[in-house]
Protein backbone atom coordinates (compact mmCIF):
# COMPACT_ATOMS: atom_id res chain seq x y z
CA MET A 1 0.00 0.00 0.00
CA ASP A 2 1.46 3.39 -0.92
CA ASP A 3 1.47 6.50 1.28
CA ASN A 4 -1.43 8.18 -0.53
CA GLN A 5 -3.62 5.14 0.09
CA ILE A 6 -2.64 5.18 3.78
CA ILE A 7 -3.50 8.89 3.99
CA GLU A 8 -6.88 8.15 2.41
CA LEU A 9 -7.51 5.53 5.11
CA PHE A 10 -6.83 8.23 7.71
CA PHE A 11 -9.29 10.54 5.97
CA GLU A 12 -11.89 7.74 5.99
CA ARG A 13 -11.14 7.28 9.73
CA ASN A 14 -10.37 3.64 8.99
CA GLU A 15 -8.38 2.03 11.81
CA LYS A 16 -6.42 0.01 9.23
CA ALA A 17 -4.51 3.23 8.54
CA ILE A 18 -2.42 2.78 11.69
CA SER A 19 -1.51 -0.84 10.92
CA ALA A 20 -0.69 0.04 7.29
CA LEU A 21 1.49 2.94 8.46
CA SER A 22 3.22 0.71 10.99
CA GLN A 23 3.78 -2.05 8.48
CA LYS A 24 5.25 0.30 5.87
CA HIS A 25 7.30 2.70 8.01
CA GLY A 26 7.38 1.21 11.52
CA LYS A 27 11.00 0.08 11.24
CA LEU A 28 12.11 3.66 10.50
CA PHE A 29 10.08 5.02 13.43
CA ARG A 30 11.54 2.40 15.80
CA LYS A 31 15.05 3.35 14.67
CA ILE A 32 14.46 7.06 15.27
CA ALA A 33 12.89 6.58 18.71
CA GLY A 34 15.38 3.88 19.67
CA ASN A 35 18.37 6.03 18.74
CA ILE A 36 17.10 8.84 20.93
CA LEU A 37 15.84 6.87 23.92
CA LYS A 38 18.07 3.76 23.95
CA ASN A 39 15.17 1.88 25.55
CA GLU A 40 12.87 -0.33 23.49
CA ALA A 41 9.85 0.01 25.79
CA ASP A 42 10.07 3.82 25.89
CA ALA A 43 10.62 3.93 22.13
CA GLU A 44 7.55 1.78 21.51
CA GLU A 45 5.45 3.98 23.79
CA CYS A 46 6.57 7.09 21.89
CA ILE A 47 5.72 5.45 18.57
CA ASN A 48 2.24 4.62 19.84
CA ASP A 49 1.84 8.22 21.02
CA ALA A 50 2.94 9.35 17.58
CA TYR A 51 0.35 7.13 15.91
CA LEU A 52 -2.32 8.72 18.09
CA ALA A 53 -1.03 12.18 17.18
CA VAL A 54 -1.14 11.27 13.48
CA TRP A 55 -4.68 9.94 13.89
CA ASN A 56 -5.69 13.26 15.46
CA THR A 57 -3.84 15.32 12.85
CA ILE A 58 -4.87 13.61 9.59
CA PRO A 59 -7.39 14.99 8.66
CA PRO A 60 -7.35 17.99 8.43
CA GLN A 61 -3.66 17.94 7.46
CA LYS A 62 -2.64 16.07 4.33
CA PRO A 63 1.14 15.64 4.39
CA HIS A 64 3.15 15.57 1.17
CA SER A 65 5.51 12.97 2.59
CA LEU A 66 3.88 10.66 5.12
CA SER A 67 7.12 9.10 6.37
CA SER A 68 8.76 12.52 6.93
CA PHE A 69 5.63 13.87 8.60
CA VAL A 70 5.37 10.95 11.04
CA SER A 71 9.15 10.78 11.54
CA ARG A 72 9.11 14.38 12.74
CA ILE A 73 6.30 13.56 15.18
CA VAL A 74 8.14 10.46 16.45
CA ARG A 75 11.35 12.44 16.84
CA ASN A 76 9.62 15.29 18.70
CA ILE A 77 7.77 12.96 21.07
CA SER A 78 10.92 10.88 21.67
CA THR A 79 13.01 13.99 22.33
CA THR A 80 10.42 15.29 24.80
CA ARG A 81 10.36 11.91 26.51
CA TYR A 82 14.16 11.81 26.58
CA HIS A 83 14.31 15.23 28.27
CA HIS A 84 11.67 14.14 30.77
CA LEU A 85 13.54 10.94 31.61
CA SER A 86 16.92 12.62 31.88
CA ALA A 87 15.86 15.78 33.70
CA GLU A 88 17.88 14.83 36.77
CA LYS A 89 20.68 12.94 35.05
CA ARG A 90 22.78 13.36 31.95
CA ASN A 91 22.47 10.81 29.13
CA ASN A 92 25.83 11.09 27.41
CA PHE A 93 24.83 9.91 23.95
CA TYR A 94 21.96 12.18 23.03
CA ASP A 95 23.26 15.14 25.02
CA THR A 96 26.57 14.82 23.18
CA THR A 97 24.76 14.77 19.85
CA LEU A 98 22.83 17.91 20.74
CA ASP A 99 25.91 19.60 22.22
CA GLU A 100 27.72 19.16 18.90
CA LEU A 101 25.21 21.53 17.30
CA LEU A 102 25.28 24.23 20.01
CA ASP A 103 27.82 26.37 18.14
CA CYS A 104 25.76 26.18 14.95
CA ILE A 105 22.13 26.43 15.97
CA PRO A 106 20.46 28.78 18.46
CA SER A 107 19.21 27.18 21.68
CA ASP A 108 15.51 26.42 22.25
CA GLU A 109 15.23 29.37 24.62
CA THR A 110 16.09 31.89 21.88
CA VAL A 111 13.94 30.38 19.13
CA ASP A 112 10.28 31.36 18.70
CA ASP A 113 7.89 29.84 16.11
CA ASP A 114 8.83 32.30 13.36
CA SER A 115 12.56 31.93 13.82
CA ALA A 116 12.15 28.15 14.08
CA GLU A 117 10.53 28.14 10.63
CA GLU A 118 13.32 30.38 9.32
CA LEU A 119 15.93 28.05 10.83
CA SER A 120 14.21 25.00 9.34
CA ALA A 121 14.18 26.59 5.88
CA ALA A 122 17.83 27.60 6.27
CA LEU A 123 18.80 24.05 7.27
CA ASN A 124 17.04 22.68 4.20
CA ASP A 125 18.81 25.26 2.03
CA PHE A 126 22.14 24.36 3.64
CA LEU A 127 21.66 20.65 3.04
CA ALA A 128 21.02 21.42 -0.63
CA THR A 129 24.41 23.19 -0.88
CA ILE A 130 26.55 20.30 0.38
CA SER A 131 27.25 16.93 -1.22
CA GLU A 132 24.63 14.20 -0.97
CA GLU A 133 27.01 12.13 1.14
CA ASP A 134 27.63 15.00 3.59
CA ALA A 135 23.89 15.71 3.77
CA ALA A 136 23.15 12.02 4.42
CA MET A 137 25.85 11.89 7.11
CA PHE A 138 24.46 15.05 8.75
CA MET A 139 20.91 13.66 8.74
CA LYS A 140 21.98 10.28 10.10
CA ARG A 141 23.79 11.93 12.99
CA TYR A 142 21.56 14.87 13.86
CA TRP A 143 18.10 13.85 12.69
CA TYR A 144 18.10 10.07 13.16
CA GLY A 145 20.47 10.16 16.13
CA GLU A 146 22.88 7.50 14.89
CA THR A 147 26.23 7.15 16.61
CA VAL A 148 29.46 8.09 14.87
CA SER A 149 30.52 4.43 15.21
CA ASP A 150 27.36 3.20 13.49
CA ILE A 151 27.79 5.66 10.63
CA ALA A 152 31.45 4.68 10.28
CA LYS A 153 30.58 1.00 10.24
CA GLU A 154 27.82 1.47 7.66
CA TRP A 155 30.06 3.52 5.35
CA GLU A 156 33.19 1.44 6.05
CA MET A 157 35.16 4.41 7.37
CA THR A 158 36.87 5.08 10.67
CA PRO A 159 34.94 6.83 13.46
CA HIS A 160 37.69 9.49 13.56
CA TYR A 161 37.18 10.25 9.86
CA ILE A 162 33.40 10.57 10.39
CA SER A 163 33.91 12.84 13.43
CA VAL A 164 36.25 15.13 11.52
CA ARG A 165 33.92 15.25 8.56
CA LEU A 166 30.91 16.05 10.76
CA SER A 167 32.95 18.78 12.42
CA ARG A 168 33.67 20.33 9.03
CA ILE A 169 30.00 20.09 8.05
CA ARG A 170 29.01 21.83 11.31
CA GLU A 171 31.54 24.59 10.61
CA LYS A 172 30.08 25.07 7.12
CA LEU A 173 26.61 25.20 8.70
CA ARG A 174 27.72 27.80 11.24
CA LYS A 175 29.15 30.03 8.48
CA PHE A 176 26.02 29.50 6.35
CA LEU A 177 23.74 30.53 9.23
CA GLU A 178 25.95 33.54 10.02
CA LYS A 179 25.63 34.74 6.42
CA ARG A 180 21.86 34.38 6.73
CA GLY A 181 21.90 36.41 9.93
CA ILE A 182 20.38 33.57 11.95
CA ILE A 183 23.33 33.35 14.33
CA ILE A 184 25.83 36.02 15.24
């Protein structure tokens, strides 16, 4: 079943929409939530919460890309859950991933809805200016939350090489955002 058919099931309020969505994209959603939370039970709970959010959102919304739309919801719910679970303690993996971007992207406290949209558009523009491989590496690390070791293993490179390359990509991003006036 393709994404448009799944969206139509949501519009018909047919409960098969959730199982079709899970069957087609569930593995991606589990990977996103699992990379953030590092706990299968918490990840599964976030995915179920995301399915409920999608059920409540479609209709009226009709996403152009169903997997991207739901991935963003899964990521947001998982990140919120992660922050809730680690409020009193520091989870090295995900905090480290977020800390890597601190020099490039404004913190949550300084970003309102309008500037968040501007930042999102700028990130998309930036990703279009770099090589496909660099963009894929950036997304794997900072959107999907994959470890440097996992990326290195998948691409048959050393973790050091991946770290250096990500550092260079972040520096390019910082300069790109400075030129746009998003960061100073």
